[in-house]
Amino acid sequence: VSMLNELVSLFDKRAKDEGIEKIKTIGDAYMAATGLTTENTQDGALKMVHFAQGLLADVEQFNEKFHMQIEIRVGINSGNLVAGVIGKTKFIYDVWGDTVNVASRMESTGESMQIHVSENTWLQTKNSVSYEGPVNVEVKGKGEMRCYFVR
């Protein structure tokens, strides 16, 4: 738990520094989003890819410092979602929707120490980020989807 706390604290610092909103941790999963404001900027996908690249660097530095072999998978999707707080006790800000589900699928079908993005994210970042692919991936509940890996 202390090792996971150390790593998540690095991710939290990076999120704060880069203007990314941490949504929650679920076990060893870290959920974050951007663009959850009334500002009409169109750089959310690119900000998230840069954040993800930083997470990979954080893991590599963590491994060197603590002589570990931790690996992570990163999944990113872009699109509309619903965000808010529900319930009467143990309030938690959360996000829902197909965009969130596909991001989760990008993570689960990704590869260790790779950033796996949906075609939606690729379309918004392809002029600024180098990618490998496309690859077609069978995504639960969606069928076959075209996806990309950040180089």
N, C-alpha and C. Protein backbone atom coordinates (compact mmCIF):
# COMPACT_ATOMS: atom_id res chain seq x y z
N VAL A 1 0.84 -1.19 0.00
CA VAL A 1 0.00 0.00 0.00
C VAL A 1 0.88 1.25 0.00
N SER A 2 1.97 1.23 0.76
CA SER A 2 2.83 2.42 0.80
C SER A 2 3.49 2.66 -0.56
N MET A 3 3.84 1.58 -1.26
CA MET A 3 4.43 1.73 -2.59
C MET A 3 3.41 2.32 -3.56
N LEU A 4 2.18 1.83 -3.52
CA LEU A 4 1.13 2.35 -4.38
C LEU A 4 0.84 3.81 -4.03
N ASN A 5 0.83 4.15 -2.75
CA ASN A 5 0.62 5.53 -2.32
C ASN A 5 1.71 6.45 -2.87
N GLU A 6 2.95 5.99 -2.81
CA GLU A 6 4.07 6.78 -3.34
C GLU A 6 3.89 7.07 -4.82
N LEU A 7 3.51 6.04 -5.58
CA LEU A 7 3.34 6.20 -7.02
C LEU A 7 2.13 7.09 -7.35
N VAL A 8 1.02 6.85 -6.67
CA VAL A 8 -0.18 7.67 -6.91
C VAL A 8 0.08 9.12 -6.53
N SER A 9 0.86 9.35 -5.50
CA SER A 9 1.20 10.73 -5.12
C SER A 9 1.99 11.42 -6.22
N LEU A 10 2.87 10.70 -6.91
CA LEU A 10 3.57 11.26 -8.07
C LEU A 10 2.57 11.63 -9.17
N PHE A 11 1.61 10.74 -9.41
CA PHE A 11 0.60 10.99 -10.43
C PHE A 11 -0.25 12.20 -10.05
N ASP A 12 -0.61 12.31 -8.76
CA ASP A 12 -1.41 13.45 -8.29
C ASP A 12 -0.68 14.76 -8.51
N LYS A 13 0.60 14.79 -8.21
CA LYS A 13 1.39 16.01 -8.41
C LYS A 13 1.41 16.38 -9.88
N ARG A 14 1.65 15.39 -10.74
CA ARG A 14 1.68 15.66 -12.18
C ARG A 14 0.31 16.18 -12.65
N ALA A 15 -0.77 15.56 -12.19
CA ALA A 15 -2.11 16.00 -12.58
C ALA A 15 -2.33 17.46 -12.18
N LYS A 16 -1.97 17.80 -10.96
CA LYS A 16 -2.14 19.18 -10.49
C LYS A 16 -1.30 20.14 -11.33
N ASP A 17 -0.05 19.78 -11.59
CA ASP A 17 0.85 20.65 -12.34
C ASP A 17 0.39 20.85 -13.79
N GLU A 18 -0.27 19.84 -14.36
CA GLU A 18 -0.63 19.88 -15.78
C GLU A 18 -2.09 20.22 -16.03
N GLY A 19 -2.83 20.53 -14.97
CA GLY A 19 -4.23 20.91 -15.15
C GLY A 19 -5.14 19.76 -15.50
N ILE A 20 -4.82 18.59 -15.01
CA ILE A 20 -5.63 17.39 -15.23
C ILE A 20 -6.42 17.13 -13.96
N GLU A 21 -7.67 16.73 -14.11
CA GLU A 21 -8.54 16.47 -12.97
C GLU A 21 -8.50 15.00 -12.59
N LYS A 22 -7.97 14.71 -11.41
CA LYS A 22 -8.03 13.33 -10.91
C LYS A 22 -9.47 13.07 -10.52
N ILE A 23 -10.03 11.99 -11.02
CA ILE A 23 -11.39 11.63 -10.68
C ILE A 23 -11.38 10.71 -9.46
N LYS A 24 -10.62 9.62 -9.55
CA LYS A 24 -10.55 8.68 -8.43
C LYS A 24 -9.52 7.61 -8.72
N THR A 25 -9.18 6.86 -7.68
CA THR A 25 -8.43 5.63 -7.86
C THR A 25 -9.40 4.49 -7.56
N ILE A 26 -9.25 3.42 -8.32
CA ILE A 26 -10.06 2.22 -8.13
C ILE A 26 -9.06 1.08 -8.02
N GLY A 27 -8.75 0.67 -6.80
CA GLY A 27 -7.69 -0.32 -6.62
C GLY A 27 -6.39 0.29 -7.09
N ASP A 28 -5.77 -0.33 -8.08
CA ASP A 28 -4.52 0.22 -8.61
C ASP A 28 -4.75 1.04 -9.88
N ALA A 29 -6.01 1.32 -10.21
CA ALA A 29 -6.32 2.12 -11.40
C ALA A 29 -6.44 3.60 -11.02
N TYR A 30 -5.97 4.46 -11.91
CA TYR A 30 -5.99 5.90 -11.70
C TYR A 30 -6.85 6.51 -12.80
N MET A 31 -7.97 7.13 -12.44
CA MET A 31 -8.85 7.73 -13.43
C MET A 31 -8.72 9.24 -13.38
N ALA A 32 -8.49 9.83 -14.55
CA ALA A 32 -8.34 11.28 -14.66
C ALA A 32 -9.02 11.76 -15.93
N ALA A 33 -9.33 13.05 -15.96
CA ALA A 33 -10.00 13.64 -17.12
C ALA A 33 -9.55 15.08 -17.27
N THR A 34 -9.85 15.63 -18.42
CA THR A 34 -9.60 17.04 -18.66
C THR A 34 -10.78 17.60 -19.46
N GLY A 35 -10.89 18.91 -19.48
CA GLY A 35 -11.99 19.53 -20.20
C GLY A 35 -13.29 19.55 -19.42
N LEU A 36 -13.23 19.38 -18.12
CA LEU A 36 -14.44 19.36 -17.29
C LEU A 36 -14.77 20.74 -16.76
N THR A 37 -14.58 21.74 -17.59
CA THR A 37 -14.85 23.12 -17.18
C THR A 37 -15.76 23.77 -18.21
N THR A 38 -16.15 24.99 -17.94
CA THR A 38 -16.97 25.72 -18.90
C THR A 38 -16.13 26.37 -19.99
N GLU A 39 -14.80 26.31 -19.84
CA GLU A 39 -13.92 26.85 -20.88
C GLU A 39 -14.09 26.04 -22.15
N ASN A 40 -14.07 26.71 -23.28
CA ASN A 40 -14.28 26.03 -24.55
C ASN A 40 -12.95 25.83 -25.28
N THR A 41 -11.99 25.23 -24.60
CA THR A 41 -10.71 24.93 -25.24
C THR A 41 -10.80 23.57 -25.90
N GLN A 42 -10.02 23.37 -26.94
CA GLN A 42 -10.06 22.12 -27.68
C GLN A 42 -8.76 21.36 -27.55
N ASP A 43 -8.03 21.56 -26.45
CA ASP A 43 -6.73 20.91 -26.29
C ASP A 43 -6.75 19.78 -25.28
N GLY A 44 -7.92 19.34 -24.87
CA GLY A 44 -8.02 18.32 -23.84
C GLY A 44 -7.36 17.01 -24.21
N ALA A 45 -7.56 16.54 -25.42
CA ALA A 45 -6.97 15.27 -25.84
C ALA A 45 -5.45 15.36 -25.82
N LEU A 46 -4.91 16.44 -26.32
CA LEU A 46 -3.46 16.61 -26.34
C LEU A 46 -2.91 16.74 -24.92
N LYS A 47 -3.61 17.48 -24.06
CA LYS A 47 -3.18 17.58 -22.66
C LYS A 47 -3.14 16.20 -22.00
N MET A 48 -4.14 15.38 -22.31
CA MET A 48 -4.20 14.05 -21.69
C MET A 48 -3.08 13.15 -22.21
N VAL A 49 -2.75 13.23 -23.50
CA VAL A 49 -1.64 12.44 -24.03
C VAL A 49 -0.33 12.87 -23.37
N HIS A 50 -0.11 14.17 -23.25
CA HIS A 50 1.11 14.65 -22.58
C HIS A 50 1.17 14.20 -21.12
N PHE A 51 0.02 14.25 -20.44
CA PHE A 51 -0.06 13.76 -19.07
C PHE A 51 0.32 12.28 -19.01
N ALA A 52 -0.22 11.49 -19.93
CA ALA A 52 0.07 10.06 -19.96
C ALA A 52 1.55 9.79 -20.21
N GLN A 53 2.16 10.57 -21.09
CA GLN A 53 3.60 10.42 -21.33
C GLN A 53 4.37 10.70 -20.04
N GLY A 54 3.92 11.69 -19.29
CA GLY A 54 4.55 12.00 -18.01
C GLY A 54 4.37 10.88 -16.99
N LEU A 55 3.21 10.23 -17.01
CA LEU A 55 3.00 9.10 -16.10
C LEU A 55 3.99 7.98 -16.38
N LEU A 56 4.23 7.70 -17.65
CA LEU A 56 5.20 6.65 -18.00
C LEU A 56 6.59 7.04 -17.51
N ALA A 57 6.94 8.31 -17.66
CA ALA A 57 8.24 8.78 -17.16
C ALA A 57 8.31 8.67 -15.64
N ASP A 58 7.20 8.99 -14.96
CA ASP A 58 7.15 8.87 -13.50
C ASP A 58 7.39 7.42 -13.07
N VAL A 59 6.78 6.48 -13.76
CA VAL A 59 6.94 5.06 -13.41
C VAL A 59 8.39 4.63 -13.63
N GLU A 60 8.98 5.07 -14.73
CA GLU A 60 10.38 4.71 -14.99
C GLU A 60 11.30 5.27 -13.90
N GLN A 61 11.09 6.52 -13.50
CA GLN A 61 11.90 7.12 -12.44
C GLN A 61 11.66 6.42 -11.10
N PHE A 62 10.41 6.08 -10.82
CA PHE A 62 10.06 5.36 -9.60
C PHE A 62 10.80 4.01 -9.57
N ASN A 63 10.78 3.31 -10.68
CA ASN A 63 11.45 2.01 -10.77
C ASN A 63 12.96 2.13 -10.52
N GLU A 64 13.56 3.16 -11.09
CA GLU A 64 15.00 3.37 -10.88
C GLU A 64 15.29 3.68 -9.42
N LYS A 65 14.50 4.56 -8.84
CA LYS A 65 14.73 5.00 -7.46
C LYS A 65 14.56 3.85 -6.46
N PHE A 66 13.52 3.01 -6.67
CA PHE A 66 13.19 1.97 -5.70
C PHE A 66 13.56 0.56 -6.17
N HIS A 67 14.28 0.48 -7.30
CA HIS A 67 14.70 -0.81 -7.85
C HIS A 67 13.51 -1.77 -8.00
N MET A 68 12.48 -1.23 -8.64
CA MET A 68 11.24 -1.99 -8.87
C MET A 68 11.06 -2.25 -10.36
N GLN A 69 10.07 -3.04 -10.68
CA GLN A 69 9.72 -3.31 -12.08
C GLN A 69 8.21 -3.09 -12.29
N ILE A 70 7.71 -1.98 -11.79
CA ILE A 70 6.29 -1.64 -11.95
C ILE A 70 6.05 -1.27 -13.41
N GLU A 71 4.93 -1.72 -13.96
CA GLU A 71 4.51 -1.33 -15.30
C GLU A 71 3.04 -0.91 -15.24
N ILE A 72 2.69 0.05 -16.10
CA ILE A 72 1.31 0.48 -16.18
C ILE A 72 0.84 0.42 -17.63
N ARG A 73 -0.47 0.38 -17.80
CA ARG A 73 -1.11 0.54 -19.11
C ARG A 73 -1.91 1.82 -19.03
N VAL A 74 -1.94 2.57 -20.14
CA VAL A 74 -2.71 3.81 -20.17
C VAL A 74 -3.69 3.75 -21.33
N GLY A 75 -4.94 4.06 -21.05
CA GLY A 75 -5.97 4.13 -22.08
C GLY A 75 -6.60 5.50 -22.10
N ILE A 76 -6.77 6.06 -23.31
CA ILE A 76 -7.35 7.39 -23.45
C ILE A 76 -8.44 7.37 -24.51
N ASN A 77 -9.55 8.02 -24.21
CA ASN A 77 -10.60 8.26 -25.18
C ASN A 77 -11.05 9.70 -25.02
N SER A 78 -11.63 10.24 -26.06
CA SER A 78 -12.10 11.63 -26.04
C SER A 78 -13.56 11.66 -26.46
N GLY A 79 -14.33 12.52 -25.80
CA GLY A 79 -15.73 12.66 -26.16
C GLY A 79 -16.54 13.23 -25.00
N ASN A 80 -17.83 13.23 -25.20
CA ASN A 80 -18.75 13.76 -24.20
C ASN A 80 -18.95 12.77 -23.07
N LEU A 81 -19.23 13.32 -21.89
CA LEU A 81 -19.53 12.48 -20.74
C LEU A 81 -20.39 13.28 -19.78
N VAL A 82 -20.85 12.59 -18.76
CA VAL A 82 -21.63 13.23 -17.71
C VAL A 82 -20.78 13.20 -16.45
N ALA A 83 -20.76 14.31 -15.72
CA ALA A 83 -19.97 14.39 -14.50
C ALA A 83 -20.82 14.98 -13.39
N GLY A 84 -20.55 14.54 -12.18
CA GLY A 84 -21.29 15.11 -11.06
C GLY A 84 -21.12 14.31 -9.79
N VAL A 85 -21.92 14.68 -8.80
CA VAL A 85 -21.93 14.03 -7.49
C VAL A 85 -23.34 13.49 -7.30
N ILE A 86 -23.43 12.22 -6.88
CA ILE A 86 -24.74 11.64 -6.62
C ILE A 86 -24.75 11.00 -5.24
N GLY A 87 -25.95 10.80 -4.71
CA GLY A 87 -26.10 10.13 -3.42
C GLY A 87 -26.22 11.10 -2.27
N LYS A 88 -26.36 10.52 -1.07
CA LYS A 88 -26.55 11.33 0.14
C LYS A 88 -25.42 11.15 1.14
N THR A 89 -24.62 10.10 0.98
CA THR A 89 -23.49 9.88 1.89
C THR A 89 -22.26 9.50 1.08
N LYS A 90 -21.10 9.70 1.68
CA LYS A 90 -19.81 9.40 1.04
C LYS A 90 -19.76 9.97 -0.38
N PHE A 91 -19.96 11.25 -0.49
CA PHE A 91 -20.00 11.92 -1.78
C PHE A 91 -18.70 11.70 -2.54
N ILE A 92 -18.81 11.50 -3.82
CA ILE A 92 -17.64 11.41 -4.68
C ILE A 92 -18.01 11.98 -6.05
N TYR A 93 -17.14 12.84 -6.53
CA TYR A 93 -17.29 13.37 -7.87
C TYR A 93 -16.92 12.24 -8.83
N ASP A 94 -17.74 12.00 -9.86
CA ASP A 94 -17.49 10.90 -10.77
C ASP A 94 -17.89 11.29 -12.18
N VAL A 95 -17.51 10.46 -13.13
CA VAL A 95 -17.84 10.66 -14.53
C VAL A 95 -18.45 9.36 -15.08
N TRP A 96 -19.37 9.52 -16.03
CA TRP A 96 -20.05 8.37 -16.61
C TRP A 96 -20.24 8.58 -18.10
N GLY A 97 -20.49 7.49 -18.78
CA GLY A 97 -20.86 7.55 -20.19
C GLY A 97 -19.99 6.68 -21.06
N ASP A 98 -20.36 6.61 -22.31
CA ASP A 98 -19.65 5.78 -23.28
C ASP A 98 -18.19 6.19 -23.42
N THR A 99 -17.92 7.48 -23.33
CA THR A 99 -16.53 7.96 -23.42
C THR A 99 -15.68 7.35 -22.33
N VAL A 100 -16.21 7.29 -21.12
CA VAL A 100 -15.50 6.72 -19.98
C VAL A 100 -15.31 5.21 -20.18
N ASN A 101 -16.35 4.54 -20.64
CA ASN A 101 -16.27 3.09 -20.86
C ASN A 101 -15.23 2.74 -21.91
N VAL A 102 -15.18 3.50 -23.00
CA VAL A 102 -14.19 3.22 -24.05
C VAL A 102 -12.78 3.50 -23.54
N ALA A 103 -12.60 4.55 -22.76
CA ALA A 103 -11.27 4.82 -22.18
C ALA A 103 -10.82 3.64 -21.33
N SER A 104 -11.72 3.09 -20.55
CA SER A 104 -11.41 1.92 -19.74
C SER A 104 -11.02 0.73 -20.62
N ARG A 105 -11.72 0.56 -21.71
CA ARG A 105 -11.40 -0.53 -22.65
C ARG A 105 -10.05 -0.30 -23.33
N MET A 106 -9.71 0.95 -23.58
CA MET A 106 -8.39 1.23 -24.17
C MET A 106 -7.30 0.79 -23.18
N GLU A 107 -7.53 1.05 -21.90
CA GLU A 107 -6.55 0.62 -20.90
C GLU A 107 -6.48 -0.90 -20.84
N SER A 108 -7.61 -1.56 -20.76
CA SER A 108 -7.61 -3.02 -20.57
C SER A 108 -7.11 -3.78 -21.79
N THR A 109 -7.23 -3.20 -22.98
CA THR A 109 -6.74 -3.88 -24.18
C THR A 109 -5.37 -3.34 -24.61
N GLY A 110 -4.80 -2.46 -23.80
CA GLY A 110 -3.50 -1.88 -24.11
C GLY A 110 -2.35 -2.81 -23.75
N GLU A 111 -1.15 -2.27 -23.84
CA GLU A 111 0.06 -3.02 -23.54
C GLU A 111 0.84 -2.29 -22.45
N SER A 112 1.61 -3.05 -21.69
CA SER A 112 2.39 -2.47 -20.60
C SER A 112 3.31 -1.36 -21.10
N MET A 113 3.32 -0.27 -20.35
CA MET A 113 4.17 0.89 -20.62
C MET A 113 3.89 1.50 -22.00
N GLN A 114 2.63 1.41 -22.42
CA GLN A 114 2.18 2.00 -23.67
C GLN A 114 0.95 2.86 -23.42
N ILE A 115 0.75 3.83 -24.30
CA ILE A 115 -0.44 4.67 -24.26
C ILE A 115 -1.31 4.27 -25.43
N HIS A 116 -2.48 3.72 -25.14
CA HIS A 116 -3.41 3.20 -26.14
C HIS A 116 -4.56 4.17 -26.26
N VAL A 117 -4.78 4.70 -27.46
CA VAL A 117 -5.82 5.71 -27.63
C VAL A 117 -6.85 5.27 -28.65
N SER A 118 -8.04 5.79 -28.48
CA SER A 118 -9.13 5.55 -29.41
C SER A 118 -8.93 6.39 -30.67
N GLU A 119 -9.70 6.08 -31.68
CA GLU A 119 -9.64 6.88 -32.90
C GLU A 119 -10.07 8.32 -32.64
N ASN A 120 -11.02 8.52 -31.72
CA ASN A 120 -11.44 9.89 -31.37
C ASN A 120 -10.27 10.72 -30.87
N THR A 121 -9.46 10.15 -30.00
CA THR A 121 -8.30 10.86 -29.48
C THR A 121 -7.25 11.05 -30.57
N TRP A 122 -7.02 10.01 -31.36
CA TRP A 122 -6.05 10.09 -32.46
C TRP A 122 -6.42 11.23 -33.41
N LEU A 123 -7.70 11.35 -33.77
CA LEU A 123 -8.13 12.40 -34.70
C LEU A 123 -7.81 13.79 -34.16
N GLN A 124 -7.89 13.96 -32.84
CA GLN A 124 -7.65 15.27 -32.24
C GLN A 124 -6.17 15.57 -32.00
N THR A 125 -5.31 14.56 -32.08
CA THR A 125 -3.91 14.75 -31.71
C THR A 125 -2.92 14.32 -32.79
N LYS A 126 -3.39 13.76 -33.88
CA LYS A 126 -2.50 13.16 -34.88
C LYS A 126 -1.51 14.14 -35.49
N ASN A 127 -1.80 15.42 -35.48
CA ASN A 127 -0.87 16.41 -36.03
C ASN A 127 0.21 16.83 -35.04
N SER A 128 0.08 16.39 -33.78
CA SER A 128 1.03 16.79 -32.74
C SER A 128 1.74 15.62 -32.07
N VAL A 129 1.24 14.40 -32.27
CA VAL A 129 1.75 13.22 -31.59
C VAL A 129 2.06 12.15 -32.62
N SER A 130 3.16 11.42 -32.44
CA SER A 130 3.50 10.30 -33.32
C SER A 130 2.82 9.04 -32.83
N TYR A 131 2.23 8.30 -33.76
CA TYR A 131 1.49 7.10 -33.41
C TYR A 131 1.95 5.90 -34.23
N GLU A 132 1.72 4.73 -33.66
CA GLU A 132 1.82 3.46 -34.37
C GLU A 132 0.39 2.98 -34.59
N GLY A 133 0.15 2.37 -35.71
CA GLY A 133 -1.18 1.85 -35.98
C GLY A 133 -1.71 2.41 -37.26
N PRO A 134 -2.94 2.15 -37.51
CA PRO A 134 -3.95 1.67 -36.57
C PRO A 134 -3.88 0.16 -36.36
N VAL A 135 -4.47 -0.25 -35.24
CA VAL A 135 -4.71 -1.66 -34.95
C VAL A 135 -6.20 -1.80 -34.66
N ASN A 136 -6.76 -2.88 -35.08
CA ASN A 136 -8.17 -3.15 -34.78
C ASN A 136 -8.24 -4.01 -33.54
N VAL A 137 -9.05 -3.58 -32.58
CA VAL A 137 -9.18 -4.26 -31.30
C VAL A 137 -10.65 -4.57 -31.06
N GLU A 138 -10.92 -5.78 -30.62
CA GLU A 138 -12.27 -6.15 -30.23
C GLU A 138 -12.54 -5.56 -28.85
N VAL A 139 -13.51 -4.67 -28.78
CA VAL A 139 -13.81 -3.96 -27.54
C VAL A 139 -15.18 -4.40 -27.03
N LYS A 140 -15.19 -4.90 -25.79
CA LYS A 140 -16.41 -5.38 -25.18
C LYS A 140 -17.51 -4.33 -25.26
N GLY A 141 -18.65 -4.71 -25.79
CA GLY A 141 -19.79 -3.82 -25.87
C GLY A 141 -19.77 -2.88 -27.06
N LYS A 142 -18.65 -2.84 -27.80
CA LYS A 142 -18.52 -1.91 -28.93
C LYS A 142 -18.22 -2.62 -30.25
N GLY A 143 -17.70 -3.85 -30.17
CA GLY A 143 -17.26 -4.53 -31.38
C GLY A 143 -15.83 -4.14 -31.72
N GLU A 144 -15.48 -4.24 -32.98
CA GLU A 144 -14.12 -3.92 -33.40
C GLU A 144 -13.94 -2.42 -33.52
N MET A 145 -12.85 -1.92 -32.91
CA MET A 145 -12.54 -0.50 -32.96
C MET A 145 -11.12 -0.29 -33.47
N ARG A 146 -10.93 0.79 -34.19
CA ARG A 146 -9.60 1.17 -34.66
C ARG A 146 -8.94 2.00 -33.56
N CYS A 147 -7.72 1.59 -33.18
CA CYS A 147 -7.01 2.23 -32.07
C CYS A 147 -5.55 2.46 -32.47
N TYR A 148 -4.87 3.22 -31.66
CA TYR A 148 -3.48 3.61 -31.95
C TYR A 148 -2.66 3.56 -30.67
N PHE A 149 -1.36 3.40 -30.84
CA PHE A 149 -0.41 3.48 -29.72
C PHE A 149 0.51 4.67 -29.93
N VAL A 150 0.72 5.46 -28.88
CA VAL A 150 1.65 6.58 -28.94
C VAL A 150 3.05 6.01 -29.04
N ARG A 151 3.85 6.57 -29.94
CA ARG A 151 5.27 6.13 -30.07
C ARG A 151 6.11 6.71 -28.98
